[in-house]
Amino acid sequence: MNIPNLITILRVLFIPIFILLFYMPYEWSYAASSSVFVFAATTDWLDGYMARRLEQSTPFGAFLDPVADKVMVAISLVLLVQEHSNFWLTLPAAVIIGREIVVSALREWMAEIGARAHVAVSNMGKWKTAAQMLALVILLANPPDFSLYVLTGYALLLIAAGLTLWSMLQYLRIALPYMRTNVEQNKKF
């Protein structure tokens, strides 16, 4: 166990606190849940930075870090869909969560056939993540009305969903030749 892994575990432990704050029946719960989300996003950057800087990358950290991120984002999206209950949030949330499932399965399958490096994270993923995180911070911090802030959050989430679809299609395009051959041929790659 090292500091970056402890930070990742801390992020996972903050998920129930985040959910509790989201459902508190007070006006300040919006700011509080959004602040916990910002804290989680910051610790995501921090644990990665520290793992590289201190040369403390571990297989456990490589596994848990993306899981913690995806769980926090998925829970945020589910909570917001329930709270906002409209098409403009539900559609991009479904696209983002669905893409994560497809790409995770694709990466697992590509790793199984020895071609995992062909579906590594791209720069487009960084833009998608930035738009998605900013959208979630804005949407978590505001009540479900049609204020300029909320509309900006919806717009950013739609942009993130578009980039999400595009990156998924890129991953599938890369994987398609492997899907067309049999497993024995794939192991030669």
N, C-alpha and C. Protein backbone atom coordinates (compact mmCIF):
# COMPACT_ATOMS: atom_id res chain seq x y z
N MET A 1 0.85 -1.18 0.00
CA MET A 1 0.00 0.00 0.00
C MET A 1 0.90 1.24 0.00
N ASN A 2 0.56 2.18 -0.85
CA ASN A 2 1.34 3.41 -0.93
C ASN A 2 0.39 4.61 -0.95
N ILE A 3 0.95 5.81 -0.97
CA ILE A 3 0.15 7.04 -0.88
C ILE A 3 -0.83 7.17 -2.06
N PRO A 4 -0.40 6.97 -3.31
CA PRO A 4 -1.38 7.08 -4.40
C PRO A 4 -2.55 6.10 -4.26
N ASN A 5 -2.26 4.87 -3.82
CA ASN A 5 -3.35 3.90 -3.64
C ASN A 5 -4.28 4.31 -2.50
N LEU A 6 -3.72 4.86 -1.44
CA LEU A 6 -4.55 5.33 -0.32
C LEU A 6 -5.46 6.47 -0.76
N ILE A 7 -4.94 7.35 -1.61
CA ILE A 7 -5.76 8.45 -2.13
C ILE A 7 -6.91 7.90 -2.98
N THR A 8 -6.63 6.89 -3.78
CA THR A 8 -7.68 6.26 -4.60
C THR A 8 -8.73 5.61 -3.71
N ILE A 9 -8.29 4.91 -2.67
CA ILE A 9 -9.23 4.28 -1.74
C ILE A 9 -10.08 5.35 -1.05
N LEU A 10 -9.46 6.46 -0.68
CA LEU A 10 -10.19 7.58 -0.07
C LEU A 10 -11.30 8.06 -1.01
N ARG A 11 -10.99 8.14 -2.29
CA ARG A 11 -11.99 8.57 -3.28
C ARG A 11 -13.18 7.61 -3.29
N VAL A 12 -12.92 6.32 -3.20
CA VAL A 12 -14.00 5.32 -3.17
C VAL A 12 -14.82 5.48 -1.89
N LEU A 13 -14.15 5.73 -0.77
CA LEU A 13 -14.85 5.89 0.50
C LEU A 13 -15.72 7.15 0.54
N PHE A 14 -15.41 8.13 -0.30
CA PHE A 14 -16.20 9.35 -0.35
C PHE A 14 -17.50 9.18 -1.15
N ILE A 15 -17.66 8.09 -1.87
CA ILE A 15 -18.86 7.89 -2.68
C ILE A 15 -20.13 7.87 -1.82
N PRO A 16 -20.19 7.12 -0.72
CA PRO A 16 -21.41 7.17 0.10
C PRO A 16 -21.68 8.56 0.69
N ILE A 17 -20.63 9.27 1.04
CA ILE A 17 -20.78 10.63 1.56
C ILE A 17 -21.36 11.53 0.48
N PHE A 18 -20.86 11.38 -0.73
CA PHE A 18 -21.36 12.14 -1.88
C PHE A 18 -22.86 11.89 -2.07
N ILE A 19 -23.27 10.62 -2.03
CA ILE A 19 -24.68 10.28 -2.22
C ILE A 19 -25.53 10.87 -1.09
N LEU A 20 -25.06 10.72 0.13
CA LEU A 20 -25.78 11.27 1.28
C LEU A 20 -25.96 12.78 1.15
N LEU A 21 -24.90 13.49 0.80
CA LEU A 21 -24.99 14.94 0.64
C LEU A 21 -25.95 15.32 -0.48
N PHE A 22 -25.94 14.56 -1.56
CA PHE A 22 -26.82 14.84 -2.69
C PHE A 22 -28.29 14.80 -2.27
N TYR A 23 -28.63 13.85 -1.41
CA TYR A 23 -30.02 13.68 -1.00
C TYR A 23 -30.43 14.48 0.23
N MET A 24 -29.53 15.23 0.80
CA MET A 24 -29.89 16.06 1.96
C MET A 24 -30.94 17.08 1.52
N PRO A 25 -31.96 17.31 2.34
CA PRO A 25 -33.05 18.22 1.94
C PRO A 25 -32.76 19.69 2.23
N TYR A 26 -31.55 20.11 1.96
CA TYR A 26 -31.16 21.49 2.23
C TYR A 26 -30.63 22.12 0.95
N GLU A 27 -30.77 23.43 0.85
CA GLU A 27 -30.27 24.15 -0.33
C GLU A 27 -28.77 23.99 -0.51
N TRP A 28 -28.03 23.92 0.60
CA TRP A 28 -26.58 23.81 0.53
C TRP A 28 -26.10 22.42 0.06
N SER A 29 -27.02 21.45 -0.02
CA SER A 29 -26.59 20.10 -0.44
C SER A 29 -26.07 20.09 -1.87
N TYR A 30 -26.56 21.00 -2.72
CA TYR A 30 -26.06 21.08 -4.10
C TYR A 30 -24.57 21.43 -4.10
N ALA A 31 -24.24 22.48 -3.39
CA ALA A 31 -22.83 22.91 -3.31
C ALA A 31 -21.97 21.85 -2.63
N ALA A 32 -22.52 21.22 -1.60
CA ALA A 32 -21.75 20.21 -0.86
C ALA A 32 -21.46 18.99 -1.73
N SER A 33 -22.47 18.47 -2.43
CA SER A 33 -22.22 17.29 -3.27
C SER A 33 -21.31 17.63 -4.44
N SER A 34 -21.47 18.82 -5.00
CA SER A 34 -20.58 19.24 -6.08
C SER A 34 -19.14 19.38 -5.57
N SER A 35 -18.98 19.87 -4.35
CA SER A 35 -17.63 20.01 -3.77
C SER A 35 -16.97 18.66 -3.56
N VAL A 36 -17.74 17.68 -3.11
CA VAL A 36 -17.19 16.33 -2.94
C VAL A 36 -16.79 15.77 -4.31
N PHE A 37 -17.60 16.03 -5.33
CA PHE A 37 -17.25 15.58 -6.68
C PHE A 37 -15.95 16.24 -7.15
N VAL A 38 -15.81 17.54 -6.90
CA VAL A 38 -14.57 18.26 -7.27
C VAL A 38 -13.39 17.66 -6.51
N PHE A 39 -13.58 17.38 -5.22
CA PHE A 39 -12.53 16.74 -4.42
C PHE A 39 -12.12 15.41 -5.04
N ALA A 40 -13.11 14.60 -5.43
CA ALA A 40 -12.82 13.30 -6.04
C ALA A 40 -12.06 13.47 -7.35
N ALA A 41 -12.47 14.43 -8.16
CA ALA A 41 -11.77 14.67 -9.43
C ALA A 41 -10.34 15.14 -9.19
N THR A 42 -10.17 15.96 -8.18
CA THR A 42 -8.83 16.45 -7.84
C THR A 42 -7.94 15.31 -7.34
N THR A 43 -8.50 14.45 -6.49
CA THR A 43 -7.69 13.33 -6.00
C THR A 43 -7.36 12.35 -7.12
N ASP A 44 -8.23 12.29 -8.14
CA ASP A 44 -7.92 11.44 -9.30
C ASP A 44 -6.66 11.94 -9.98
N TRP A 45 -6.59 13.25 -10.18
CA TRP A 45 -5.38 13.82 -10.78
C TRP A 45 -4.19 13.61 -9.85
N LEU A 46 -4.39 13.88 -8.54
CA LEU A 46 -3.31 13.82 -7.57
C LEU A 46 -2.72 12.41 -7.44
N ASP A 47 -3.56 11.39 -7.36
CA ASP A 47 -3.00 10.05 -7.20
C ASP A 47 -2.21 9.61 -8.43
N GLY A 48 -2.68 9.99 -9.61
CA GLY A 48 -1.92 9.68 -10.83
C GLY A 48 -0.59 10.40 -10.87
N TYR A 49 -0.62 11.68 -10.52
CA TYR A 49 0.60 12.49 -10.50
C TYR A 49 1.61 11.90 -9.50
N MET A 50 1.12 11.59 -8.31
CA MET A 50 2.02 11.07 -7.28
C MET A 50 2.57 9.69 -7.65
N ALA A 51 1.74 8.85 -8.24
CA ALA A 51 2.21 7.53 -8.65
C ALA A 51 3.35 7.64 -9.65
N ARG A 52 3.20 8.58 -10.60
CA ARG A 52 4.27 8.77 -11.59
C ARG A 52 5.49 9.45 -10.96
N ARG A 53 5.25 10.49 -10.21
CA ARG A 53 6.34 11.28 -9.61
C ARG A 53 7.16 10.47 -8.61
N LEU A 54 6.47 9.70 -7.78
CA LEU A 54 7.15 8.90 -6.75
C LEU A 54 7.50 7.49 -7.24
N GLU A 55 7.18 7.23 -8.51
CA GLU A 55 7.41 5.91 -9.11
C GLU A 55 6.78 4.82 -8.24
N GLN A 56 5.50 5.04 -7.91
CA GLN A 56 4.77 4.10 -7.07
C GLN A 56 3.55 3.53 -7.77
N SER A 57 3.64 3.38 -9.07
CA SER A 57 2.54 2.76 -9.81
C SER A 57 2.49 1.28 -9.44
N THR A 58 1.28 0.79 -9.21
CA THR A 58 1.10 -0.62 -8.86
C THR A 58 -0.02 -1.21 -9.70
N PRO A 59 -0.06 -2.52 -9.86
CA PRO A 59 -1.18 -3.14 -10.56
C PRO A 59 -2.52 -2.85 -9.85
N PHE A 60 -2.51 -2.84 -8.51
CA PHE A 60 -3.73 -2.54 -7.76
C PHE A 60 -4.22 -1.12 -8.09
N GLY A 61 -3.32 -0.16 -8.10
CA GLY A 61 -3.67 1.21 -8.42
C GLY A 61 -4.14 1.35 -9.86
N ALA A 62 -3.49 0.65 -10.77
CA ALA A 62 -3.88 0.69 -12.18
C ALA A 62 -5.28 0.13 -12.38
N PHE A 63 -5.65 -0.82 -11.52
CA PHE A 63 -7.01 -1.38 -11.57
C PHE A 63 -8.02 -0.45 -10.90
N LEU A 64 -7.73 -0.04 -9.66
CA LEU A 64 -8.71 0.67 -8.85
C LEU A 64 -8.97 2.10 -9.32
N ASP A 65 -7.96 2.79 -9.81
CA ASP A 65 -8.11 4.19 -10.21
C ASP A 65 -9.21 4.38 -11.25
N PRO A 66 -9.17 3.67 -12.39
CA PRO A 66 -10.26 3.89 -13.36
C PRO A 66 -11.62 3.39 -12.86
N VAL A 67 -11.60 2.36 -12.01
CA VAL A 67 -12.87 1.88 -11.45
C VAL A 67 -13.49 2.96 -10.57
N ALA A 68 -12.68 3.56 -9.71
CA ALA A 68 -13.18 4.63 -8.83
C ALA A 68 -13.74 5.79 -9.65
N ASP A 69 -13.03 6.16 -10.72
CA ASP A 69 -13.50 7.26 -11.58
C ASP A 69 -14.83 6.93 -12.22
N LYS A 70 -14.92 5.75 -12.81
CA LYS A 70 -16.13 5.38 -13.54
C LYS A 70 -17.32 5.22 -12.60
N VAL A 71 -17.08 4.69 -11.40
CA VAL A 71 -18.17 4.54 -10.44
C VAL A 71 -18.67 5.92 -10.00
N MET A 72 -17.77 6.83 -9.70
CA MET A 72 -18.17 8.17 -9.27
C MET A 72 -18.95 8.89 -10.37
N VAL A 73 -18.48 8.80 -11.61
CA VAL A 73 -19.18 9.45 -12.73
C VAL A 73 -20.54 8.79 -12.96
N ALA A 74 -20.59 7.46 -12.97
CA ALA A 74 -21.85 6.76 -13.20
C ALA A 74 -22.87 7.09 -12.12
N ILE A 75 -22.44 7.09 -10.86
CA ILE A 75 -23.36 7.43 -9.77
C ILE A 75 -23.84 8.87 -9.91
N SER A 76 -22.94 9.78 -10.26
CA SER A 76 -23.33 11.18 -10.46
C SER A 76 -24.38 11.30 -11.54
N LEU A 77 -24.16 10.61 -12.65
CA LEU A 77 -25.11 10.67 -13.76
C LEU A 77 -26.47 10.09 -13.36
N VAL A 78 -26.46 8.96 -12.67
CA VAL A 78 -27.72 8.34 -12.24
C VAL A 78 -28.47 9.27 -11.29
N LEU A 79 -27.78 9.86 -10.33
CA LEU A 79 -28.42 10.79 -9.40
C LEU A 79 -29.00 11.99 -10.14
N LEU A 80 -28.25 12.53 -11.08
CA LEU A 80 -28.72 13.70 -11.82
C LEU A 80 -29.90 13.36 -12.73
N VAL A 81 -29.89 12.19 -13.35
CA VAL A 81 -31.02 11.78 -14.19
C VAL A 81 -32.28 11.70 -13.35
N GLN A 82 -32.15 11.12 -12.16
CA GLN A 82 -33.31 11.02 -11.27
C GLN A 82 -33.78 12.40 -10.84
N GLU A 83 -32.86 13.28 -10.53
CA GLU A 83 -33.19 14.62 -10.04
C GLU A 83 -33.78 15.51 -11.15
N HIS A 84 -33.20 15.47 -12.34
CA HIS A 84 -33.62 16.36 -13.42
C HIS A 84 -34.77 15.77 -14.23
N SER A 85 -34.74 14.48 -14.39
CA SER A 85 -35.82 13.76 -15.06
C SER A 85 -36.23 14.39 -16.39
N ASN A 86 -35.25 14.54 -17.29
CA ASN A 86 -35.57 15.05 -18.63
C ASN A 86 -34.64 14.45 -19.67
N PHE A 87 -35.06 14.56 -20.91
CA PHE A 87 -34.35 14.01 -22.05
C PHE A 87 -32.93 14.56 -22.18
N TRP A 88 -32.75 15.85 -21.90
CA TRP A 88 -31.48 16.53 -22.13
C TRP A 88 -30.38 16.04 -21.21
N LEU A 89 -30.75 15.40 -20.14
CA LEU A 89 -29.74 14.82 -19.26
C LEU A 89 -29.72 13.30 -19.39
N THR A 90 -30.89 12.70 -19.59
CA THR A 90 -30.99 11.24 -19.67
C THR A 90 -30.25 10.68 -20.88
N LEU A 91 -30.43 11.28 -22.04
CA LEU A 91 -29.77 10.76 -23.25
C LEU A 91 -28.25 10.78 -23.13
N PRO A 92 -27.62 11.93 -22.80
CA PRO A 92 -26.16 11.88 -22.70
C PRO A 92 -25.68 10.96 -21.57
N ALA A 93 -26.44 10.87 -20.48
CA ALA A 93 -26.04 9.97 -19.40
C ALA A 93 -26.05 8.52 -19.88
N ALA A 94 -27.09 8.14 -20.62
CA ALA A 94 -27.16 6.77 -21.15
C ALA A 94 -26.02 6.50 -22.13
N VAL A 95 -25.70 7.47 -22.96
CA VAL A 95 -24.60 7.32 -23.92
C VAL A 95 -23.27 7.15 -23.17
N ILE A 96 -23.04 7.99 -22.18
CA ILE A 96 -21.76 7.95 -21.45
C ILE A 96 -21.61 6.64 -20.68
N ILE A 97 -22.65 6.23 -19.96
CA ILE A 97 -22.56 4.97 -19.20
C ILE A 97 -22.48 3.78 -20.15
N GLY A 98 -23.28 3.79 -21.21
CA GLY A 98 -23.24 2.70 -22.19
C GLY A 98 -21.89 2.57 -22.85
N ARG A 99 -21.29 3.69 -23.19
CA ARG A 99 -19.96 3.67 -23.82
C ARG A 99 -18.92 3.08 -22.87
N GLU A 100 -19.00 3.43 -21.60
CA GLU A 100 -18.04 2.89 -20.64
C GLU A 100 -18.13 1.37 -20.56
N ILE A 101 -19.34 0.85 -20.62
CA ILE A 101 -19.53 -0.60 -20.59
C ILE A 101 -18.94 -1.23 -21.84
N VAL A 102 -19.26 -0.67 -23.00
CA VAL A 102 -18.76 -1.21 -24.28
C VAL A 102 -17.23 -1.16 -24.34
N VAL A 103 -16.65 -0.01 -24.02
CA VAL A 103 -15.20 0.14 -24.13
C VAL A 103 -14.48 -0.71 -23.08
N SER A 104 -15.04 -0.83 -21.88
CA SER A 104 -14.42 -1.69 -20.87
C SER A 104 -14.41 -3.14 -21.34
N ALA A 105 -15.53 -3.60 -21.89
CA ALA A 105 -15.58 -4.97 -22.42
C ALA A 105 -14.62 -5.14 -23.58
N LEU A 106 -14.54 -4.14 -24.44
CA LEU A 106 -13.64 -4.20 -25.58
C LEU A 106 -12.18 -4.27 -25.13
N ARG A 107 -11.81 -3.45 -24.15
CA ARG A 107 -10.44 -3.46 -23.64
C ARG A 107 -10.11 -4.81 -23.00
N GLU A 108 -11.06 -5.36 -22.26
CA GLU A 108 -10.85 -6.68 -21.64
C GLU A 108 -10.64 -7.74 -22.71
N TRP A 109 -11.48 -7.72 -23.74
CA TRP A 109 -11.36 -8.70 -24.81
C TRP A 109 -10.04 -8.52 -25.57
N MET A 110 -9.67 -7.27 -25.86
CA MET A 110 -8.41 -7.02 -26.57
C MET A 110 -7.22 -7.47 -25.72
N ALA A 111 -7.29 -7.29 -24.41
CA ALA A 111 -6.21 -7.75 -23.54
C ALA A 111 -6.13 -9.27 -23.58
N GLU A 112 -7.27 -9.92 -23.63
CA GLU A 112 -7.31 -11.39 -23.66
C GLU A 112 -6.64 -11.94 -24.91
N ILE A 113 -6.74 -11.22 -26.02
CA ILE A 113 -6.12 -11.71 -27.26
C ILE A 113 -4.73 -11.09 -27.47
N GLY A 114 -4.25 -10.33 -26.48
CA GLY A 114 -2.91 -9.77 -26.55
C GLY A 114 -2.79 -8.49 -27.37
N ALA A 115 -3.87 -7.78 -27.53
CA ALA A 115 -3.84 -6.55 -28.34
C ALA A 115 -4.32 -5.35 -27.54
N ARG A 116 -4.16 -5.36 -26.25
CA ARG A 116 -4.65 -4.30 -25.36
C ARG A 116 -4.09 -2.92 -25.73
N ALA A 117 -2.85 -2.85 -26.14
CA ALA A 117 -2.21 -1.57 -26.44
C ALA A 117 -2.89 -0.85 -27.60
N HIS A 118 -3.61 -1.57 -28.42
CA HIS A 118 -4.28 -0.95 -29.57
C HIS A 118 -5.51 -0.15 -29.17
N VAL A 119 -5.99 -0.31 -27.94
CA VAL A 119 -7.15 0.45 -27.49
C VAL A 119 -6.81 1.27 -26.25
N ALA A 120 -5.67 1.92 -26.29
CA ALA A 120 -5.24 2.77 -25.18
C ALA A 120 -6.02 4.08 -25.20
N VAL A 121 -5.98 4.78 -24.08
CA VAL A 121 -6.68 6.06 -23.95
C VAL A 121 -6.10 7.07 -24.94
N SER A 122 -6.99 7.84 -25.58
CA SER A 122 -6.56 8.82 -26.57
C SER A 122 -6.71 10.24 -26.02
N ASN A 123 -6.20 11.21 -26.77
CA ASN A 123 -6.36 12.61 -26.39
C ASN A 123 -7.83 13.04 -26.42
N MET A 124 -8.60 12.44 -27.33
CA MET A 124 -10.02 12.76 -27.39
C MET A 124 -10.67 12.42 -26.05
N GLY A 125 -10.20 11.36 -25.42
CA GLY A 125 -10.73 10.97 -24.11
C GLY A 125 -10.50 12.05 -23.07
N LYS A 126 -9.38 12.76 -23.19
CA LYS A 126 -9.10 13.84 -22.24
C LYS A 126 -10.06 15.01 -22.42
N TRP A 127 -10.38 15.34 -23.67
CA TRP A 127 -11.35 16.40 -23.94
C TRP A 127 -12.73 15.99 -23.46
N LYS A 128 -13.09 14.73 -23.71
CA LYS A 128 -14.37 14.21 -23.25
C LYS A 128 -14.46 14.28 -21.73
N THR A 129 -13.40 13.88 -21.07
CA THR A 129 -13.39 13.89 -19.61
C THR A 129 -13.51 15.31 -19.07
N ALA A 130 -12.81 16.25 -19.69
CA ALA A 130 -12.87 17.65 -19.24
C ALA A 130 -14.30 18.19 -19.36
N ALA A 131 -14.93 17.98 -20.52
CA ALA A 131 -16.30 18.47 -20.72
C ALA A 131 -17.26 17.77 -19.76
N GLN A 132 -17.08 16.49 -19.59
CA GLN A 132 -17.95 15.71 -18.70
C GLN A 132 -17.82 16.15 -17.25
N MET A 133 -16.59 16.30 -16.78
CA MET A 133 -16.37 16.69 -15.39
C MET A 133 -16.91 18.10 -15.12
N LEU A 134 -16.66 19.03 -16.01
CA LEU A 134 -17.17 20.39 -15.84
C LEU A 134 -18.70 20.38 -15.84
N ALA A 135 -19.30 19.63 -16.75
CA ALA A 135 -20.76 19.52 -16.79
C ALA A 135 -21.30 18.97 -15.48
N LEU A 136 -20.68 17.93 -14.96
CA LEU A 136 -21.17 17.32 -13.73
C LEU A 136 -21.01 18.25 -12.53
N VAL A 137 -19.91 18.96 -12.47
CA VAL A 137 -19.71 19.93 -11.38
C VAL A 137 -20.82 20.99 -11.42
N ILE A 138 -21.09 21.52 -12.60
CA ILE A 138 -22.12 22.55 -12.76
C ILE A 138 -23.50 21.99 -12.40
N LEU A 139 -23.83 20.82 -12.93
CA LEU A 139 -25.16 20.25 -12.70
C LEU A 139 -25.37 19.84 -11.25
N LEU A 140 -24.34 19.32 -10.61
CA LEU A 140 -24.45 18.94 -9.20
C LEU A 140 -24.62 20.18 -8.31
N ALA A 141 -24.04 21.29 -8.72
CA ALA A 141 -24.05 22.50 -7.89
C ALA A 141 -25.33 23.31 -7.99
N ASN A 142 -26.23 22.92 -8.89
CA ASN A 142 -27.43 23.72 -9.13
C ASN A 142 -28.70 22.89 -9.07
N PRO A 143 -29.79 23.50 -8.61
CA PRO A 143 -31.07 22.78 -8.60
C PRO A 143 -31.53 22.52 -10.04
N PRO A 144 -32.40 21.54 -10.22
CA PRO A 144 -32.83 21.16 -11.57
C PRO A 144 -33.85 22.13 -12.17
N ASP A 145 -33.36 23.30 -12.53
CA ASP A 145 -34.21 24.27 -13.22
C ASP A 145 -33.59 24.54 -14.59
N PHE A 146 -34.09 25.50 -15.28
CA PHE A 146 -33.52 25.80 -16.60
C PHE A 146 -32.76 27.11 -16.56
N SER A 147 -31.94 27.28 -15.51
CA SER A 147 -31.09 28.46 -15.41
C SER A 147 -29.97 28.38 -16.44
N LEU A 148 -29.29 29.48 -16.62
CA LEU A 148 -28.16 29.50 -17.56
C LEU A 148 -27.10 28.49 -17.15
N TYR A 149 -26.86 28.33 -15.85
CA TYR A 149 -25.87 27.37 -15.39
C TYR A 149 -26.26 25.95 -15.78
N VAL A 150 -27.50 25.60 -15.52
CA VAL A 150 -27.97 24.24 -15.83
C VAL A 150 -27.95 24.00 -17.33
N LEU A 151 -28.38 24.98 -18.11
CA LEU A 151 -28.35 24.83 -19.57
C LEU A 151 -26.92 24.68 -20.07
N THR A 152 -25.98 25.38 -19.45
CA THR A 152 -24.56 25.22 -19.80
C THR A 152 -24.09 23.82 -19.45
N GLY A 153 -24.52 23.31 -18.29
CA GLY A 153 -24.19 21.94 -17.90
C GLY A 153 -24.73 20.93 -18.89
N TYR A 154 -25.98 21.13 -19.34
CA TYR A 154 -26.57 20.23 -20.34
C TYR A 154 -25.77 20.27 -21.64
N ALA A 155 -25.42 21.48 -22.07
CA ALA A 155 -24.66 21.62 -23.32
C ALA A 155 -23.31 20.91 -23.22
N LEU A 156 -22.62 21.10 -22.10
CA LEU A 156 -21.32 20.43 -21.93
C LEU A 156 -21.48 18.91 -21.86
N LEU A 157 -22.56 18.45 -21.24
CA LEU A 157 -22.79 17.01 -21.16
C LEU A 157 -23.12 16.44 -22.54
N LEU A 158 -23.85 17.19 -23.35
CA LEU A 158 -24.12 16.75 -24.73
C LEU A 158 -22.83 16.70 -25.55
N ILE A 159 -21.95 17.68 -25.35
CA ILE A 159 -20.64 17.67 -26.03
C ILE A 159 -19.85 16.45 -25.58
N ALA A 160 -19.84 16.20 -24.26
CA ALA A 160 -19.12 15.03 -23.74
C ALA A 160 -19.69 13.74 -24.32
N ALA A 161 -21.01 13.66 -24.44
CA ALA A 161 -21.64 12.46 -25.01
C ALA A 161 -21.25 12.29 -26.47
N GLY A 162 -21.21 13.39 -27.22
CA GLY A 162 -20.79 13.31 -28.62
C GLY A 162 -19.35 12.83 -28.74
N LEU A 163 -18.46 13.38 -27.93
CA LEU A 163 -17.06 12.94 -27.94
C LEU A 163 -16.95 11.48 -27.47
N THR A 164 -17.81 11.10 -26.55
CA THR A 164 -17.85 9.73 -26.05
C THR A 164 -18.20 8.76 -27.17
N LEU A 165 -19.24 9.10 -27.91
CA LEU A 165 -19.63 8.25 -29.05
C LEU A 165 -18.52 8.18 -30.08
N TRP A 166 -17.93 9.31 -30.39
CA TRP A 166 -16.86 9.35 -31.38
C TRP A 166 -15.68 8.47 -30.95
N SER A 167 -15.27 8.60 -29.68
CA SER A 167 -14.13 7.80 -29.22
C SER A 167 -14.48 6.32 -29.20
N MET A 168 -15.74 5.97 -28.86
CA MET A 168 -16.14 4.57 -28.89
C MET A 168 -16.06 4.02 -30.31
N LEU A 169 -16.51 4.81 -31.27
CA LEU A 169 -16.44 4.38 -32.66
C LEU A 169 -14.99 4.19 -33.10
N GLN A 170 -14.10 5.06 -32.62
CA GLN A 170 -12.67 4.91 -32.94
C GLN A 170 -12.13 3.60 -32.37
N TYR A 171 -12.47 3.31 -31.12
CA TYR A 171 -12.03 2.06 -30.50
C TYR A 171 -12.57 0.85 -31.27
N LEU A 172 -13.84 0.90 -31.64
CA LEU A 172 -14.43 -0.21 -32.38
C LEU A 172 -13.80 -0.36 -33.76
N ARG A 173 -13.47 0.76 -34.40
CA ARG A 173 -12.81 0.71 -35.71
C ARG A 173 -11.45 0.02 -35.59
N ILE A 174 -10.71 0.34 -34.52
CA ILE A 174 -9.41 -0.28 -34.29
C ILE A 174 -9.56 -1.78 -34.03
N ALA A 175 -10.61 -2.14 -33.29
CA ALA A 175 -10.81 -3.54 -32.90
C ALA A 175 -11.42 -4.39 -34.00
N LEU A 176 -12.07 -3.77 -34.97
CA LEU A 176 -12.79 -4.52 -36.00
C LEU A 176 -11.95 -5.58 -36.71
N PRO A 177 -10.71 -5.28 -37.13
CA PRO A 177 -9.92 -6.34 -37.78
C PRO A 177 -9.70 -7.56 -36.87
N TYR A 178 -9.58 -7.33 -35.57
CA TYR A 178 -9.39 -8.44 -34.63
C TYR A 178 -10.67 -9.25 -34.49
N MET A 179 -11.80 -8.58 -34.63
CA MET A 179 -13.09 -9.27 -34.52
C MET A 179 -13.38 -10.12 -35.74
N ARG A 180 -12.75 -9.80 -36.85
CA ARG A 180 -13.00 -10.53 -38.09
C ARG A 180 -12.11 -11.76 -38.24
N THR A 181 -11.14 -11.91 -37.40
CA THR A 181 -10.25 -13.08 -37.48
C THR A 181 -10.52 -13.99 -36.30
N ASN A 182 -9.98 -15.19 -36.38
CA ASN A 182 -10.20 -16.09 -35.25
C ASN A 182 -9.17 -15.82 -34.16
N VAL A 183 -9.40 -16.37 -33.00
CA VAL A 183 -8.58 -16.10 -31.82
C VAL A 183 -7.12 -16.50 -32.04
N GLU A 184 -6.88 -17.61 -32.68
CA GLU A 184 -5.51 -18.07 -32.90
C GLU A 184 -4.73 -17.09 -33.75
N GLN A 185 -5.36 -16.52 -34.77
CA GLN A 185 -4.69 -15.54 -35.59
C GLN A 185 -4.43 -14.26 -34.80
N ASN A 186 -5.35 -13.87 -33.93
CA ASN A 186 -5.19 -12.66 -33.11
C ASN A 186 -3.98 -12.75 -32.21
N LYS A 187 -3.68 -13.93 -31.70
CA LYS A 187 -2.55 -14.08 -30.78
C LYS A 187 -1.21 -13.80 -31.47
N LYS A 188 -1.19 -13.85 -32.80
CA LYS A 188 0.04 -13.56 -33.54
C LYS A 188 0.34 -12.07 -33.55
N PHE A 189 -0.69 -11.24 -33.37
CA PHE A 189 -0.49 -9.77 -33.35
C PHE A 189 0.20 -9.43 -32.10
